[in-house]
Amino acid sequence: LVEDDEDDYMITKTLIAEIKSWRGILEWVSSYEEALRKLKSDEYDVYLFDYRLGEKTGIDLLKEAIESGCKVPIILLTGQDDHDVDIEAMRLGASDYLVKDEINVQLIERSIRYSIIQKESEAEKDRLIEELRQAMQRIKTLSGLIPICASCKKIRDDKGYWKQVEAYIQEHTEAEFSHGICPDCAKRLYPNYYKGS
């Protein structure tokens, strides 16, 4: 919780303590600067930012958090219902916007729970998108009609250059090669060794 008013901190602490569905630990920082240091630790499940933080605002802190790559859900708390601040907070990436006078145990529990679930869903979505991107890259790399010379077996690449099969495959996949000689080629290359066998 980033809150410069100790009374509001105590109210929030009481609300969090009354949540029955899970046990949370509320850590309190009272200044914007201290909040910036805590943001870098990335050890929290959710952040609660008060809107008024001295000369700065929770919106300023939200911007800095998002710009620094913070992936932790952020809920903005405010003393007054301000539609413009609500819209701005959500546009910038806040998970929720709660008016302090309207907050009760059920509302804050649901907001925190939904924010964490949303974060987990987004992380899973990002993981699946990356997995799909890699799979599509492999498919793109390994599929399609590959022009190959009927005589020397070189492959023509996208730019029209003819390359050895190994060079082409190494450029387009993560495969590596080890070389050996098949029995038919060994007989052809070393006929004296295979005479009489």
N, C-alpha and C. Protein backbone atom coordinates (compact mmCIF):
# COMPACT_ATOMS: atom_id res chain seq x y z
N LEU A 1 0.84 -1.18 0.00
CA LEU A 1 0.00 0.00 0.00
C LEU A 1 0.89 1.24 0.00
N VAL A 2 0.67 2.11 -0.96
CA VAL A 2 1.35 3.40 -1.00
C VAL A 2 0.31 4.44 -0.59
N GLU A 3 0.46 4.95 0.62
CA GLU A 3 -0.55 5.84 1.22
C GLU A 3 0.15 6.80 2.16
N ASP A 4 -0.03 8.11 1.94
CA ASP A 4 0.66 9.09 2.79
C ASP A 4 -0.16 9.48 4.03
N ASP A 5 -1.36 8.95 4.17
CA ASP A 5 -2.22 9.25 5.32
C ASP A 5 -2.30 8.01 6.21
N GLU A 6 -1.79 8.11 7.43
CA GLU A 6 -1.75 6.95 8.33
C GLU A 6 -3.14 6.44 8.69
N ASP A 7 -4.11 7.34 8.83
CA ASP A 7 -5.48 6.91 9.14
C ASP A 7 -6.05 6.04 8.01
N ASP A 8 -5.82 6.46 6.76
CA ASP A 8 -6.29 5.66 5.62
C ASP A 8 -5.56 4.32 5.56
N TYR A 9 -4.28 4.32 5.92
CA TYR A 9 -3.54 3.06 6.00
C TYR A 9 -4.19 2.12 7.01
N MET A 10 -4.54 2.62 8.19
CA MET A 10 -5.14 1.80 9.24
C MET A 10 -6.50 1.24 8.79
N ILE A 11 -7.28 2.04 8.08
CA ILE A 11 -8.57 1.57 7.57
C ILE A 11 -8.35 0.45 6.56
N THR A 12 -7.41 0.64 5.64
CA THR A 12 -7.12 -0.39 4.63
C THR A 12 -6.59 -1.65 5.29
N LYS A 13 -5.74 -1.49 6.28
CA LYS A 13 -5.18 -2.64 7.00
C LYS A 13 -6.30 -3.45 7.66
N THR A 14 -7.26 -2.77 8.26
CA THR A 14 -8.40 -3.44 8.90
C THR A 14 -9.23 -4.20 7.87
N LEU A 15 -9.48 -3.57 6.72
CA LEU A 15 -10.25 -4.23 5.66
C LEU A 15 -9.54 -5.50 5.17
N ILE A 16 -8.25 -5.39 4.94
CA ILE A 16 -7.47 -6.54 4.46
C ILE A 16 -7.49 -7.66 5.51
N ALA A 17 -7.38 -7.30 6.78
CA ALA A 17 -7.37 -8.29 7.86
C ALA A 17 -8.71 -9.03 7.96
N GLU A 18 -9.79 -8.39 7.54
CA GLU A 18 -11.12 -9.00 7.63
C GLU A 18 -11.44 -9.93 6.46
N ILE A 19 -10.57 -9.99 5.47
CA ILE A 19 -10.80 -10.89 4.34
C ILE A 19 -10.64 -12.32 4.83
N LYS A 20 -11.67 -13.15 4.62
CA LYS A 20 -11.67 -14.52 5.13
C LYS A 20 -11.17 -15.54 4.09
N SER A 21 -11.30 -15.22 2.81
CA SER A 21 -10.99 -16.20 1.76
C SER A 21 -9.50 -16.46 1.58
N TRP A 22 -8.67 -15.54 2.01
CA TRP A 22 -7.22 -15.72 1.95
C TRP A 22 -6.55 -14.78 2.92
N ARG A 23 -5.32 -15.07 3.23
CA ARG A 23 -4.55 -14.25 4.16
C ARG A 23 -3.54 -13.44 3.37
N GLY A 24 -3.66 -12.14 3.47
CA GLY A 24 -2.70 -11.27 2.82
C GLY A 24 -1.89 -10.51 3.85
N ILE A 25 -0.71 -10.14 3.46
CA ILE A 25 0.14 -9.31 4.31
C ILE A 25 0.22 -7.94 3.65
N LEU A 26 -0.18 -6.93 4.38
CA LEU A 26 -0.17 -5.58 3.85
C LEU A 26 1.08 -4.86 4.31
N GLU A 27 1.87 -4.42 3.36
CA GLU A 27 3.05 -3.63 3.68
C GLU A 27 2.75 -2.19 3.29
N TRP A 28 3.14 -1.26 4.15
CA TRP A 28 2.80 0.15 3.95
C TRP A 28 4.04 0.98 3.70
N VAL A 29 3.99 1.81 2.67
CA VAL A 29 5.00 2.85 2.47
C VAL A 29 4.24 4.17 2.35
N SER A 30 4.84 5.22 2.90
CA SER A 30 4.12 6.49 3.00
C SER A 30 4.61 7.57 2.04
N SER A 31 5.64 7.26 1.24
CA SER A 31 6.14 8.30 0.34
C SER A 31 6.29 7.77 -1.08
N TYR A 32 6.21 8.69 -2.00
CA TYR A 32 6.36 8.39 -3.42
C TYR A 32 7.74 7.77 -3.70
N GLU A 33 8.78 8.37 -3.12
CA GLU A 33 10.15 7.91 -3.35
C GLU A 33 10.35 6.48 -2.83
N GLU A 34 9.82 6.20 -1.64
CA GLU A 34 9.93 4.86 -1.08
C GLU A 34 9.17 3.86 -1.95
N ALA A 35 8.04 4.29 -2.48
CA ALA A 35 7.26 3.43 -3.38
C ALA A 35 8.06 3.07 -4.63
N LEU A 36 8.79 4.04 -5.19
CA LEU A 36 9.61 3.76 -6.37
C LEU A 36 10.65 2.68 -6.07
N ARG A 37 11.25 2.74 -4.89
CA ARG A 37 12.24 1.71 -4.50
C ARG A 37 11.57 0.34 -4.38
N LYS A 38 10.39 0.30 -3.80
CA LYS A 38 9.67 -0.97 -3.62
C LYS A 38 9.25 -1.56 -4.96
N LEU A 39 8.90 -0.70 -5.91
CA LEU A 39 8.48 -1.18 -7.23
C LEU A 39 9.57 -2.01 -7.90
N LYS A 40 10.81 -1.66 -7.64
CA LYS A 40 11.93 -2.36 -8.28
C LYS A 40 12.12 -3.77 -7.73
N SER A 41 11.60 -4.05 -6.54
CA SER A 41 11.80 -5.36 -5.93
C SER A 41 10.94 -6.44 -6.57
N ASP A 42 9.79 -6.07 -7.12
CA ASP A 42 8.90 -7.00 -7.82
C ASP A 42 8.54 -8.22 -6.96
N GLU A 43 8.34 -8.01 -5.66
CA GLU A 43 8.06 -9.14 -4.77
C GLU A 43 6.62 -9.18 -4.27
N TYR A 44 5.76 -8.35 -4.84
CA TYR A 44 4.39 -8.25 -4.36
C TYR A 44 3.41 -8.83 -5.37
N ASP A 45 2.24 -9.24 -4.87
CA ASP A 45 1.19 -9.77 -5.75
C ASP A 45 0.34 -8.66 -6.34
N VAL A 46 0.20 -7.56 -5.61
CA VAL A 46 -0.62 -6.44 -6.06
C VAL A 46 -0.17 -5.18 -5.34
N TYR A 47 -0.29 -4.04 -6.03
CA TYR A 47 0.00 -2.74 -5.41
C TYR A 47 -1.30 -1.96 -5.27
N LEU A 48 -1.43 -1.27 -4.14
CA LEU A 48 -2.53 -0.33 -3.92
C LEU A 48 -1.90 1.06 -3.83
N PHE A 49 -2.25 1.95 -4.75
CA PHE A 49 -1.70 3.31 -4.76
C PHE A 49 -2.80 4.30 -4.39
N ASP A 50 -2.52 5.15 -3.40
CA ASP A 50 -3.42 6.27 -3.13
C ASP A 50 -3.24 7.29 -4.25
N TYR A 51 -4.30 8.03 -4.57
CA TYR A 51 -4.19 9.03 -5.62
C TYR A 51 -3.36 10.22 -5.17
N ARG A 52 -3.56 10.70 -3.97
CA ARG A 52 -2.82 11.86 -3.46
C ARG A 52 -1.59 11.40 -2.71
N LEU A 53 -0.41 11.76 -3.24
CA LEU A 53 0.86 11.38 -2.61
C LEU A 53 1.75 12.61 -2.51
N GLY A 54 1.34 13.58 -1.73
CA GLY A 54 2.12 14.81 -1.61
C GLY A 54 2.04 15.61 -2.88
N GLU A 55 3.21 15.99 -3.41
CA GLU A 55 3.25 16.78 -4.64
C GLU A 55 2.94 15.93 -5.87
N LYS A 56 3.12 14.64 -5.75
CA LYS A 56 2.87 13.73 -6.87
C LYS A 56 1.53 13.03 -6.66
N THR A 57 1.13 12.26 -7.68
CA THR A 57 -0.13 11.53 -7.59
C THR A 57 0.09 10.04 -7.86
N GLY A 58 -0.93 9.28 -7.54
CA GLY A 58 -0.90 7.86 -7.86
C GLY A 58 -0.82 7.62 -9.35
N ILE A 59 -1.35 8.55 -10.14
CA ILE A 59 -1.24 8.46 -11.61
C ILE A 59 0.22 8.59 -12.03
N ASP A 60 0.95 9.53 -11.41
CA ASP A 60 2.38 9.68 -11.71
C ASP A 60 3.13 8.39 -11.38
N LEU A 61 2.81 7.81 -10.23
CA LEU A 61 3.47 6.57 -9.81
C LEU A 61 3.09 5.42 -10.73
N LEU A 62 1.84 5.37 -11.13
CA LEU A 62 1.38 4.35 -12.08
C LEU A 62 2.14 4.45 -13.39
N LYS A 63 2.30 5.68 -13.91
CA LYS A 63 3.06 5.88 -15.15
C LYS A 63 4.48 5.37 -15.01
N GLU A 64 5.14 5.74 -13.91
CA GLU A 64 6.53 5.30 -13.70
C GLU A 64 6.61 3.79 -13.57
N ALA A 65 5.65 3.19 -12.88
CA ALA A 65 5.64 1.74 -12.72
C ALA A 65 5.52 1.04 -14.06
N ILE A 66 4.57 1.47 -14.87
CA ILE A 66 4.34 0.85 -16.18
C ILE A 66 5.55 1.08 -17.09
N GLU A 67 6.09 2.29 -17.11
CA GLU A 67 7.26 2.59 -17.95
C GLU A 67 8.47 1.77 -17.55
N SER A 68 8.58 1.42 -16.27
CA SER A 68 9.72 0.62 -15.81
C SER A 68 9.50 -0.88 -16.04
N GLY A 69 8.35 -1.24 -16.62
CA GLY A 69 8.10 -2.64 -16.95
C GLY A 69 7.40 -3.43 -15.85
N CYS A 70 6.81 -2.76 -14.90
CA CYS A 70 6.11 -3.43 -13.80
C CYS A 70 4.96 -4.28 -14.35
N LYS A 71 4.92 -5.55 -13.96
CA LYS A 71 3.86 -6.46 -14.38
C LYS A 71 2.87 -6.75 -13.26
N VAL A 72 3.16 -6.22 -12.07
CA VAL A 72 2.30 -6.45 -10.91
C VAL A 72 1.04 -5.60 -11.05
N PRO A 73 -0.15 -6.16 -10.79
CA PRO A 73 -1.38 -5.37 -10.88
C PRO A 73 -1.37 -4.19 -9.92
N ILE A 74 -1.93 -3.07 -10.37
CA ILE A 74 -1.97 -1.84 -9.57
C ILE A 74 -3.42 -1.38 -9.46
N ILE A 75 -3.87 -1.19 -8.23
CA ILE A 75 -5.21 -0.68 -7.95
C ILE A 75 -5.06 0.73 -7.41
N LEU A 76 -5.75 1.68 -8.03
CA LEU A 76 -5.68 3.07 -7.59
C LEU A 76 -6.82 3.35 -6.61
N LEU A 77 -6.48 3.92 -5.45
CA LEU A 77 -7.46 4.30 -4.43
C LEU A 77 -7.55 5.82 -4.39
N THR A 78 -8.76 6.33 -4.28
CA THR A 78 -8.91 7.78 -4.25
C THR A 78 -10.02 8.19 -3.29
N GLY A 79 -9.87 9.38 -2.74
CA GLY A 79 -10.86 9.90 -1.81
C GLY A 79 -12.09 10.45 -2.49
N GLN A 80 -11.97 10.80 -3.77
CA GLN A 80 -13.10 11.38 -4.48
C GLN A 80 -13.32 10.65 -5.79
N ASP A 81 -14.57 10.44 -6.12
CA ASP A 81 -14.92 9.79 -7.38
C ASP A 81 -14.73 10.79 -8.51
N ASP A 82 -13.72 10.56 -9.33
CA ASP A 82 -13.41 11.46 -10.44
C ASP A 82 -13.35 10.63 -11.72
N HIS A 83 -14.35 10.81 -12.56
CA HIS A 83 -14.46 10.02 -13.79
C HIS A 83 -13.22 10.14 -14.67
N ASP A 84 -12.68 11.35 -14.80
CA ASP A 84 -11.50 11.56 -15.64
C ASP A 84 -10.28 10.81 -15.10
N VAL A 85 -10.10 10.84 -13.78
CA VAL A 85 -8.98 10.10 -13.16
C VAL A 85 -9.19 8.60 -13.35
N ASP A 86 -10.42 8.14 -13.19
CA ASP A 86 -10.75 6.73 -13.40
C ASP A 86 -10.36 6.30 -14.81
N ILE A 87 -10.80 7.05 -15.80
CA ILE A 87 -10.50 6.73 -17.21
C ILE A 87 -9.00 6.76 -17.46
N GLU A 88 -8.32 7.78 -16.96
CA GLU A 88 -6.87 7.90 -17.15
C GLU A 88 -6.13 6.74 -16.50
N ALA A 89 -6.52 6.36 -15.29
CA ALA A 89 -5.87 5.25 -14.58
C ALA A 89 -6.02 3.95 -15.36
N MET A 90 -7.22 3.68 -15.84
CA MET A 90 -7.45 2.44 -16.57
C MET A 90 -6.72 2.46 -17.92
N ARG A 91 -6.70 3.62 -18.57
CA ARG A 91 -5.99 3.74 -19.85
C ARG A 91 -4.50 3.47 -19.68
N LEU A 92 -3.95 3.92 -18.56
CA LEU A 92 -2.52 3.74 -18.30
C LEU A 92 -2.16 2.32 -17.88
N GLY A 93 -3.15 1.53 -17.47
CA GLY A 93 -2.85 0.15 -17.11
C GLY A 93 -3.21 -0.26 -15.70
N ALA A 94 -3.92 0.58 -14.96
CA ALA A 94 -4.37 0.18 -13.62
C ALA A 94 -5.34 -0.98 -13.75
N SER A 95 -5.33 -1.87 -12.78
CA SER A 95 -6.26 -3.00 -12.77
C SER A 95 -7.64 -2.59 -12.30
N ASP A 96 -7.68 -1.60 -11.41
CA ASP A 96 -8.97 -1.15 -10.88
C ASP A 96 -8.81 0.25 -10.30
N TYR A 97 -9.95 0.87 -10.03
CA TYR A 97 -10.01 2.22 -9.48
C TYR A 97 -11.10 2.19 -8.43
N LEU A 98 -10.73 2.41 -7.16
CA LEU A 98 -11.70 2.32 -6.07
C LEU A 98 -11.78 3.64 -5.31
N VAL A 99 -13.01 4.04 -4.98
CA VAL A 99 -13.25 5.24 -4.18
C VAL A 99 -13.27 4.80 -2.72
N LYS A 100 -12.43 5.42 -1.90
CA LYS A 100 -12.25 4.99 -0.51
C LYS A 100 -13.54 4.91 0.28
N ASP A 101 -14.45 5.88 0.13
CA ASP A 101 -15.70 5.87 0.89
C ASP A 101 -16.60 4.69 0.52
N GLU A 102 -16.39 4.11 -0.64
CA GLU A 102 -17.23 3.00 -1.11
C GLU A 102 -16.61 1.63 -0.83
N ILE A 103 -15.35 1.60 -0.39
CA ILE A 103 -14.65 0.33 -0.20
C ILE A 103 -15.16 -0.38 1.04
N ASN A 104 -15.45 -1.67 0.86
CA ASN A 104 -15.74 -2.56 1.98
C ASN A 104 -14.92 -3.82 1.79
N VAL A 105 -15.03 -4.77 2.69
CA VAL A 105 -14.21 -5.98 2.63
C VAL A 105 -14.45 -6.73 1.33
N GLN A 106 -15.72 -6.91 0.94
CA GLN A 106 -16.03 -7.67 -0.27
C GLN A 106 -15.46 -6.99 -1.51
N LEU A 107 -15.59 -5.68 -1.58
CA LEU A 107 -15.12 -4.94 -2.76
C LEU A 107 -13.61 -5.01 -2.90
N ILE A 108 -12.88 -4.79 -1.82
CA ILE A 108 -11.42 -4.81 -1.93
C ILE A 108 -10.91 -6.23 -2.16
N GLU A 109 -11.56 -7.22 -1.54
CA GLU A 109 -11.16 -8.62 -1.76
C GLU A 109 -11.37 -8.99 -3.22
N ARG A 110 -12.53 -8.64 -3.77
CA ARG A 110 -12.82 -8.96 -5.17
C ARG A 110 -11.87 -8.23 -6.12
N SER A 111 -11.61 -6.97 -5.84
CA SER A 111 -10.71 -6.19 -6.69
C SER A 111 -9.31 -6.79 -6.71
N ILE A 112 -8.81 -7.14 -5.53
CA ILE A 112 -7.47 -7.75 -5.45
C ILE A 112 -7.47 -9.11 -6.15
N ARG A 113 -8.48 -9.92 -5.87
CA ARG A 113 -8.55 -11.27 -6.47
C ARG A 113 -8.64 -11.17 -7.99
N TYR A 114 -9.52 -10.33 -8.50
CA TYR A 114 -9.65 -10.18 -9.95
C TYR A 114 -8.36 -9.66 -10.58
N SER A 115 -7.71 -8.73 -9.91
CA SER A 115 -6.46 -8.18 -10.44
C SER A 115 -5.39 -9.25 -10.56
N ILE A 116 -5.29 -10.10 -9.55
CA ILE A 116 -4.29 -11.17 -9.57
C ILE A 116 -4.64 -12.21 -10.64
N ILE A 117 -5.92 -12.57 -10.73
CA ILE A 117 -6.36 -13.53 -11.75
C ILE A 117 -6.10 -12.96 -13.15
N GLN A 118 -6.39 -11.68 -13.34
CA GLN A 118 -6.16 -11.04 -14.63
C GLN A 118 -4.67 -11.08 -14.98
N LYS A 119 -3.82 -10.80 -14.00
CA LYS A 119 -2.37 -10.83 -14.24
C LYS A 119 -1.93 -12.24 -14.64
N GLU A 120 -2.42 -13.25 -13.93
CA GLU A 120 -2.06 -14.63 -14.25
C GLU A 120 -2.56 -15.01 -15.64
N SER A 121 -3.77 -14.57 -15.99
CA SER A 121 -4.31 -14.86 -17.32
C SER A 121 -3.49 -14.20 -18.41
N GLU A 122 -3.08 -12.96 -18.18
CA GLU A 122 -2.26 -12.25 -19.17
C GLU A 122 -0.89 -12.91 -19.32
N ALA A 123 -0.31 -13.36 -18.21
CA ALA A 123 0.98 -14.04 -18.27
C ALA A 123 0.84 -15.35 -19.05
N GLU A 124 -0.24 -16.09 -18.81
CA GLU A 124 -0.49 -17.33 -19.55
C GLU A 124 -0.73 -17.04 -21.02
N LYS A 125 -1.48 -15.98 -21.32
CA LYS A 125 -1.73 -15.59 -22.71
C LYS A 125 -0.41 -15.25 -23.40
N ASP A 126 0.44 -14.46 -22.74
CA ASP A 126 1.74 -14.10 -23.31
C ASP A 126 2.59 -15.33 -23.56
N ARG A 127 2.56 -16.28 -22.61
CA ARG A 127 3.33 -17.52 -22.77
C ARG A 127 2.83 -18.31 -23.98
N LEU A 128 1.51 -18.42 -24.12
CA LEU A 128 0.93 -19.17 -25.24
C LEU A 128 1.19 -18.48 -26.57
N ILE A 129 1.14 -17.15 -26.58
CA ILE A 129 1.44 -16.41 -27.82
C ILE A 129 2.88 -16.65 -28.24
N GLU A 130 3.79 -16.62 -27.27
CA GLU A 130 5.21 -16.87 -27.59
C GLU A 130 5.41 -18.30 -28.08
N GLU A 131 4.73 -19.25 -27.45
CA GLU A 131 4.81 -20.64 -27.88
C GLU A 131 4.29 -20.78 -29.31
N LEU A 132 3.17 -20.12 -29.59
CA LEU A 132 2.59 -20.16 -30.93
C LEU A 132 3.51 -19.49 -31.94
N ARG A 133 4.11 -18.36 -31.57
CA ARG A 133 5.04 -17.68 -32.47
C ARG A 133 6.21 -18.58 -32.83
N GLN A 134 6.75 -19.27 -31.82
CA GLN A 134 7.87 -20.18 -32.07
C GLN A 134 7.44 -21.35 -32.95
N ALA A 135 6.24 -21.89 -32.70
CA ALA A 135 5.74 -23.00 -33.51
C ALA A 135 5.53 -22.55 -34.96
N MET A 136 4.97 -21.34 -35.14
CA MET A 136 4.77 -20.82 -36.49
C MET A 136 6.10 -20.61 -37.20
N GLN A 137 7.10 -20.16 -36.46
CA GLN A 137 8.42 -19.96 -37.06
C GLN A 137 9.00 -21.30 -37.51
N ARG A 138 8.82 -22.33 -36.68
CA ARG A 138 9.32 -23.66 -37.07
C ARG A 138 8.58 -24.17 -38.29
N ILE A 139 7.27 -23.97 -38.32
CA ILE A 139 6.48 -24.42 -39.47
C ILE A 139 6.91 -23.68 -40.72
N LYS A 140 7.07 -22.36 -40.60
CA LYS A 140 7.49 -21.54 -41.74
C LYS A 140 8.86 -21.99 -42.24
N THR A 141 9.73 -22.32 -41.31
CA THR A 141 11.08 -22.73 -41.65
C THR A 141 11.10 -24.08 -42.34
N LEU A 142 10.27 -24.99 -41.90
CA LEU A 142 10.37 -26.36 -42.36
C LEU A 142 9.36 -26.74 -43.43
N SER A 143 8.47 -25.84 -43.81
CA SER A 143 7.45 -26.21 -44.78
C SER A 143 7.66 -25.47 -46.09
N GLY A 144 6.87 -25.85 -47.06
CA GLY A 144 6.92 -25.21 -48.36
C GLY A 144 7.69 -26.05 -49.36
N LEU A 145 7.62 -25.63 -50.60
CA LEU A 145 8.31 -26.32 -51.68
C LEU A 145 9.75 -25.83 -51.73
N ILE A 146 10.68 -26.75 -51.63
CA ILE A 146 12.10 -26.38 -51.63
C ILE A 146 12.71 -26.82 -52.97
N PRO A 147 13.16 -25.86 -53.79
CA PRO A 147 13.79 -26.23 -55.07
C PRO A 147 15.16 -26.86 -54.84
N ILE A 148 15.34 -28.06 -55.35
CA ILE A 148 16.60 -28.79 -55.16
C ILE A 148 17.08 -29.29 -56.52
N CYS A 149 18.38 -29.18 -56.76
CA CYS A 149 18.97 -29.61 -58.03
C CYS A 149 18.91 -31.14 -58.12
N ALA A 150 18.42 -31.64 -59.23
CA ALA A 150 18.29 -33.09 -59.42
C ALA A 150 19.64 -33.77 -59.53
N SER A 151 20.68 -33.03 -59.89
CA SER A 151 22.00 -33.63 -60.08
C SER A 151 22.87 -33.50 -58.83
N CYS A 152 23.20 -32.25 -58.42
CA CYS A 152 24.15 -32.05 -57.31
C CYS A 152 23.47 -31.94 -55.95
N LYS A 153 22.13 -31.84 -55.94
CA LYS A 153 21.33 -31.77 -54.70
C LYS A 153 21.49 -30.46 -53.93
N LYS A 154 21.99 -29.41 -54.59
CA LYS A 154 22.02 -28.10 -53.92
C LYS A 154 20.59 -27.55 -53.88
N ILE A 155 20.35 -26.68 -52.90
CA ILE A 155 19.03 -26.08 -52.71
C ILE A 155 19.11 -24.60 -53.07
N ARG A 156 18.07 -24.13 -53.81
CA ARG A 156 18.00 -22.70 -54.15
C ARG A 156 17.26 -21.97 -53.02
N ASP A 157 17.92 -20.93 -52.48
CA ASP A 157 17.30 -20.18 -51.38
C ASP A 157 16.37 -19.10 -51.92
N ASP A 158 15.80 -18.31 -51.00
CA ASP A 158 14.83 -17.26 -51.36
C ASP A 158 15.42 -16.20 -52.28
N LYS A 159 16.74 -16.02 -52.24
CA LYS A 159 17.39 -14.98 -53.05
C LYS A 159 17.92 -15.52 -54.37
N GLY A 160 17.68 -16.80 -54.63
CA GLY A 160 18.10 -17.39 -55.89
C GLY A 160 19.48 -18.02 -55.88
N TYR A 161 20.15 -18.03 -54.72
CA TYR A 161 21.48 -18.64 -54.62
C TYR A 161 21.35 -20.13 -54.35
N TRP A 162 22.28 -20.90 -54.93
CA TRP A 162 22.28 -22.36 -54.72
C TRP A 162 23.24 -22.69 -53.59
N LYS A 163 22.77 -23.45 -52.63
CA LYS A 163 23.57 -23.78 -51.44
C LYS A 163 23.54 -25.27 -51.18
N GLN A 164 24.59 -25.73 -50.50
CA GLN A 164 24.61 -27.12 -50.06
C GLN A 164 23.44 -27.35 -49.10
N VAL A 165 22.92 -28.56 -49.08
CA VAL A 165 21.78 -28.89 -48.22
C VAL A 165 22.06 -28.51 -46.77
N GLU A 166 23.26 -28.86 -46.28
CA GLU A 166 23.61 -28.58 -44.88
C GLU A 166 23.56 -27.08 -44.58
N ALA A 167 24.11 -26.27 -45.49
CA ALA A 167 24.14 -24.81 -45.27
C ALA A 167 22.72 -24.26 -45.24
N TYR A 168 21.87 -24.73 -46.14
CA TYR A 168 20.49 -24.26 -46.19
C TYR A 168 19.75 -24.62 -44.90
N ILE A 169 19.87 -25.85 -44.48
CA ILE A 169 19.16 -26.30 -43.27
C ILE A 169 19.68 -25.58 -42.03
N GLN A 170 20.98 -25.36 -41.95
CA GLN A 170 21.52 -24.66 -40.79
C GLN A 170 21.04 -23.20 -40.73
N GLU A 171 20.87 -22.58 -41.88
CA GLU A 171 20.37 -21.20 -41.91
C GLU A 171 18.90 -21.10 -41.51
N HIS A 172 18.13 -22.13 -41.82
CA HIS A 172 16.68 -22.06 -41.62
C HIS A 172 16.15 -22.85 -40.43
N THR A 173 17.01 -23.56 -39.74
CA THR A 173 16.57 -24.32 -38.55
C THR A 173 17.65 -24.22 -37.49
N GLU A 174 17.41 -24.86 -36.38
CA GLU A 174 18.41 -24.93 -35.32
C GLU A 174 19.17 -26.25 -35.36
N ALA A 175 19.00 -26.99 -36.45
CA ALA A 175 19.65 -28.30 -36.58
C ALA A 175 21.16 -28.15 -36.76
N GLU A 176 21.88 -29.12 -36.24
CA GLU A 176 23.33 -29.20 -36.44
C GLU A 176 23.63 -30.52 -37.12
N PHE A 177 24.79 -30.60 -37.76
CA PHE A 177 25.13 -31.80 -38.52
C PHE A 177 26.37 -32.48 -37.97
N SER A 178 26.37 -33.79 -38.09
CA SER A 178 27.59 -34.57 -37.92
C SER A 178 27.69 -35.39 -39.21
N HIS A 179 28.89 -35.55 -39.71
CA HIS A 179 29.03 -36.21 -41.01
C HIS A 179 29.52 -37.65 -40.86
N GLY A 180 29.04 -38.45 -41.75
CA GLY A 180 29.43 -39.84 -41.85
C GLY A 180 29.27 -40.25 -43.30
N ILE A 181 29.48 -41.50 -43.60
CA ILE A 181 29.33 -42.00 -44.97
C ILE A 181 28.39 -43.19 -44.92
N CYS A 182 27.36 -43.15 -45.78
CA CYS A 182 26.41 -44.26 -45.83
C CYS A 182 27.09 -45.45 -46.52
N PRO A 183 26.60 -46.67 -46.34
CA PRO A 183 27.23 -47.87 -46.93
C PRO A 183 27.34 -47.81 -48.45
N ASP A 184 26.33 -47.30 -49.15
CA ASP A 184 26.39 -47.24 -50.62
C ASP A 184 27.52 -46.32 -51.08
N CYS A 185 27.65 -45.14 -50.43
CA CYS A 185 28.71 -44.21 -50.80
C CYS A 185 30.08 -44.77 -50.41
N ALA A 186 30.16 -45.43 -49.29
CA ALA A 186 31.44 -46.02 -48.86
C ALA A 186 31.92 -47.04 -49.89
N LYS A 187 31.03 -47.86 -50.42
CA LYS A 187 31.41 -48.84 -51.46
C LYS A 187 31.88 -48.15 -52.72
N ARG A 188 31.19 -47.04 -53.06
CA ARG A 188 31.56 -46.31 -54.27
C ARG A 188 32.89 -45.59 -54.09
N LEU A 189 33.13 -44.99 -52.92
CA LEU A 189 34.35 -44.23 -52.66
C LEU A 189 35.56 -45.11 -52.34
N TYR A 190 35.31 -46.25 -51.73
CA TYR A 190 36.40 -47.15 -51.31
C TYR A 190 36.16 -48.55 -51.86
N PRO A 191 36.18 -48.68 -53.19
CA PRO A 191 35.85 -49.99 -53.79
C PRO A 191 36.86 -51.08 -53.40
N ASN A 192 38.13 -50.71 -53.22
CA ASN A 192 39.14 -51.71 -52.87
C ASN A 192 38.88 -52.30 -51.48
N TYR A 193 38.37 -51.52 -50.61
CA TYR A 193 38.09 -51.97 -49.25
C TYR A 193 36.93 -52.97 -49.24
N TYR A 194 36.01 -52.82 -50.19
CA TYR A 194 34.82 -53.66 -50.23
C TYR A 194 34.93 -54.80 -51.24
N LYS A 195 36.08 -54.97 -51.93
CA LYS A 195 36.24 -56.07 -52.89
C LYS A 195 36.13 -57.40 -52.17
N GLY A 196 35.35 -58.25 -52.72
CA GLY A 196 35.25 -59.60 -52.19
C GLY A 196 34.31 -59.73 -51.01
N SER A 197 33.66 -58.67 -50.61
CA SER A 197 32.74 -58.81 -49.48
C SER A 197 31.32 -58.88 -49.94
